[in-house]
Amino acid sequence: MKFNLFLFIAIVVVAANCGKDKFQTKPTVSIKSYNTKIVSANGTLRVILEVTDKEGDAQDSVIIIKNRLNRRVVATIRDTIRYKFPTFPKTSKIQAEATLDYQTILSAINPPTIPGSNPLQKEPDTLKLKFAVRDNAGHTSDTVTSQQIIVIRQ
C-alpha cells in the first residue's frame, strides 16, 4: 500500500514538472540585467528583459510602473509608462532592452532637500520598477519587480 502511494506521488511530481519549461499563452517577463542601480544626474538606466510567449506575439507593449520608496512623500511625475515594441518577426522568446533616460526615470516633482546638507542637495529618488508585457492578443504578463534603483538629483 505504501509503495502504491509513493508511486502515485512520484507520478504526480513528474507530471507537474514536465510542463514547466513550456511557454504559456500569457507572456512571461523576467529581468536579466541592469547597466546600473545608481543613475547619475543626466544618466540612463538600461534594463534587459527576457520575454517568452507561446504564440510569439508579445509585441504590443511593455508597461513600467515607478514605485517611489522614499520616506518623505511628495507628488510624483508620471508613475506609469507604456512603450510600444518595435515590429519584429514573431518568436516565442526575446530579449528586450528598456532604456529610461534621466528625465523619464525621475520620480519626485519637487524633491525635498537633504537636511543638514551644505550646499543644499536634493534627496535622490529611491525606486523599485515593475515591468509587465502585453501581447497582440491582449494578454498581460505578471509583473516583475526590479531591485532598488537610486536616481541622483541635481
Protein backbone atom coordinates (compact mmCIF):
# COMPACT_ATOMS: atom_id res chain seq x y z
CA MET A 1 0.00 0.00 0.00
CA LYS A 2 2.81 2.41 0.90
CA PHE A 3 4.59 1.56 -2.36
CA ASN A 4 1.43 2.44 -4.37
CA LEU A 5 1.11 5.77 -2.55
CA PHE A 6 4.81 6.51 -3.19
CA LEU A 7 4.43 5.59 -6.87
CA PHE A 8 1.33 7.82 -7.19
CA ILE A 9 3.14 10.80 -5.59
CA ALA A 10 6.18 10.23 -7.81
CA ILE A 11 3.99 10.21 -10.96
CA VAL A 12 2.22 13.41 -9.88
CA VAL A 13 5.54 15.17 -9.22
CA VAL A 14 6.99 14.09 -12.58
CA ALA A 15 3.83 15.11 -14.43
CA ALA A 16 3.78 18.50 -12.73
CA ASN A 17 7.42 19.16 -13.63
CA CYS A 18 7.11 18.10 -17.26
CA GLY A 19 5.10 21.17 -18.28
CA LYS A 20 7.23 23.80 -16.54
CA ASP A 21 9.55 24.50 -19.47
CA LYS A 22 6.75 25.01 -21.99
CA PHE A 23 5.76 28.54 -22.95
CA GLN A 24 2.34 29.86 -21.99
CA THR A 25 -0.26 31.84 -23.91
CA LYS A 26 0.09 34.61 -21.33
CA PRO A 27 3.52 36.25 -21.75
CA THR A 28 6.13 35.95 -19.02
CA VAL A 29 8.80 38.52 -18.26
CA SER A 30 11.97 38.40 -16.19
CA ILE A 31 14.80 40.85 -15.55
CA LYS A 32 18.14 39.61 -16.86
CA SER A 33 20.41 42.59 -16.07
CA TYR A 34 20.81 46.31 -15.36
CA ASN A 35 23.53 48.64 -16.56
CA THR A 36 23.50 50.36 -13.14
CA LYS A 37 21.48 50.56 -9.95
CA ILE A 38 22.56 54.14 -9.25
CA VAL A 39 21.56 56.52 -12.03
CA SER A 40 23.73 59.63 -12.01
CA ALA A 41 22.45 63.08 -12.90
CA ASN A 42 21.61 63.04 -16.62
CA GLY A 43 22.42 59.30 -16.75
CA THR A 44 20.45 56.46 -18.31
CA LEU A 45 19.08 53.20 -16.90
CA ARG A 46 19.02 50.17 -19.19
CA VAL A 47 17.19 47.03 -18.09
CA ILE A 48 17.40 43.84 -20.15
CA LEU A 49 14.16 41.87 -20.02
CA GLU A 50 13.58 38.32 -21.20
CA VAL A 51 10.09 37.81 -22.58
CA THR A 52 8.52 34.48 -23.50
CA ASP A 53 5.17 33.87 -25.17
CA LYS A 54 3.78 30.69 -26.70
CA GLU A 55 2.38 32.41 -29.79
CA GLY A 56 5.39 34.70 -30.23
CA ASP A 57 3.18 37.77 -30.33
CA ALA A 58 4.46 39.56 -27.21
CA GLN A 59 4.89 42.60 -29.42
CA ASP A 60 2.31 45.10 -28.17
CA SER A 61 3.98 46.98 -25.32
CA VAL A 62 5.97 46.99 -22.12
CA ILE A 63 4.44 48.69 -19.08
CA ILE A 64 6.74 50.21 -16.46
CA ILE A 65 5.45 51.34 -13.07
CA LYS A 66 7.70 53.58 -10.94
CA ASN A 67 7.23 53.00 -7.20
CA ARG A 68 8.97 55.71 -5.13
CA LEU A 69 10.18 54.30 -1.80
CA ASN A 70 11.44 57.47 -0.08
CA ARG A 71 10.07 58.09 3.43
CA ARG A 72 9.07 61.66 2.68
CA VAL A 73 6.04 61.50 0.44
CA VAL A 74 5.89 64.09 -2.35
CA ALA A 75 3.99 64.47 -5.60
CA THR A 76 5.43 62.32 -8.40
CA ILE A 77 5.83 62.57 -12.16
CA ARG A 78 4.17 60.03 -14.46
CA ASP A 79 4.28 56.84 -12.39
CA THR A 80 3.18 54.53 -15.23
CA ILE A 81 4.93 54.44 -18.60
CA ARG A 82 3.90 52.38 -21.61
CA TYR A 83 6.17 51.85 -24.60
CA LYS A 84 5.18 50.18 -27.84
CA PHE A 85 7.50 47.44 -29.05
CA PRO A 86 9.10 47.91 -32.45
CA THR A 87 7.93 45.49 -35.12
CA PHE A 88 9.99 42.30 -35.27
CA PRO A 89 9.45 38.75 -36.52
CA LYS A 90 7.34 36.51 -34.27
CA THR A 91 9.41 34.45 -31.86
CA SER A 92 8.48 32.76 -28.60
CA LYS A 93 11.48 34.13 -26.67
CA ILE A 94 13.05 37.58 -26.95
CA GLN A 95 15.35 39.86 -25.04
CA ALA A 96 14.19 43.46 -24.90
CA GLU A 97 16.02 46.49 -23.58
CA ALA A 98 14.04 49.05 -21.60
CA THR A 99 16.02 52.29 -21.75
CA LEU A 100 14.95 55.04 -19.37
CA ASP A 101 16.70 58.38 -19.81
CA TYR A 102 17.19 60.68 -16.84
CA GLN A 103 14.06 62.78 -17.40
CA THR A 104 11.91 59.66 -17.72
CA ILE A 105 13.20 57.91 -14.59
CA LEU A 106 12.87 60.95 -12.29
CA SER A 107 10.04 60.45 -9.82
CA ALA A 108 9.55 63.38 -7.42
CA ILE A 109 8.25 66.62 -8.93
CA ASN A 110 9.93 68.75 -6.23
CA PRO A 111 12.25 66.50 -4.22
CA PRO A 112 12.92 67.68 -0.68
CA THR A 113 16.42 68.74 0.28
CA ILE A 114 18.65 66.56 2.43
CA PRO A 115 18.58 68.02 5.98
CA GLY A 116 21.96 69.44 7.01
CA SER A 117 23.49 69.27 3.53
CA ASN A 118 25.76 72.20 2.72
CA PRO A 119 25.43 73.21 -0.04
CA LEU A 120 21.80 72.10 -0.16
CA GLN A 121 21.33 68.85 -2.06
CA LYS A 122 18.10 67.31 -3.27
CA GLU A 123 17.07 63.91 -1.93
CA PRO A 124 17.66 61.16 -4.52
CA ASP A 125 14.67 59.19 -5.78
CA THR A 126 14.74 55.64 -4.43
CA LEU A 127 12.62 53.45 -6.71
CA LYS A 128 11.52 49.96 -7.49
CA LEU A 129 10.34 49.48 -11.05
CA LYS A 130 7.66 46.99 -12.02
CA PHE A 131 7.62 45.61 -15.56
CA ALA A 132 4.81 43.85 -17.42
CA VAL A 133 4.45 42.91 -21.09
CA ARG A 134 1.31 42.86 -23.20
CA ASP A 135 0.96 40.72 -26.32
CA ASN A 136 -1.00 41.44 -29.51
CA ALA A 137 -3.92 39.29 -28.28
CA GLY A 138 -4.32 41.49 -25.18
CA HIS A 139 -2.77 39.08 -22.66
CA THR A 140 -0.71 40.81 -19.98
CA SER A 141 2.12 39.09 -18.12
CA ASP A 142 2.53 39.06 -14.38
CA THR A 143 4.70 41.90 -13.13
CA VAL A 144 8.34 41.52 -12.23
CA THR A 145 9.90 43.97 -9.77
CA SER A 146 13.40 45.41 -10.04
CA GLN A 147 15.91 45.70 -7.28
CA GLN A 148 16.16 49.11 -5.63
CA ILE A 149 17.26 51.86 -8.04
CA ILE A 150 18.62 55.19 -6.83
CA VAL A 151 18.34 58.27 -9.03
CA ILE A 152 20.70 61.09 -8.05
CA ARG A 153 19.03 64.52 -8.22
CA GLN A 154 20.64 67.73 -9.43
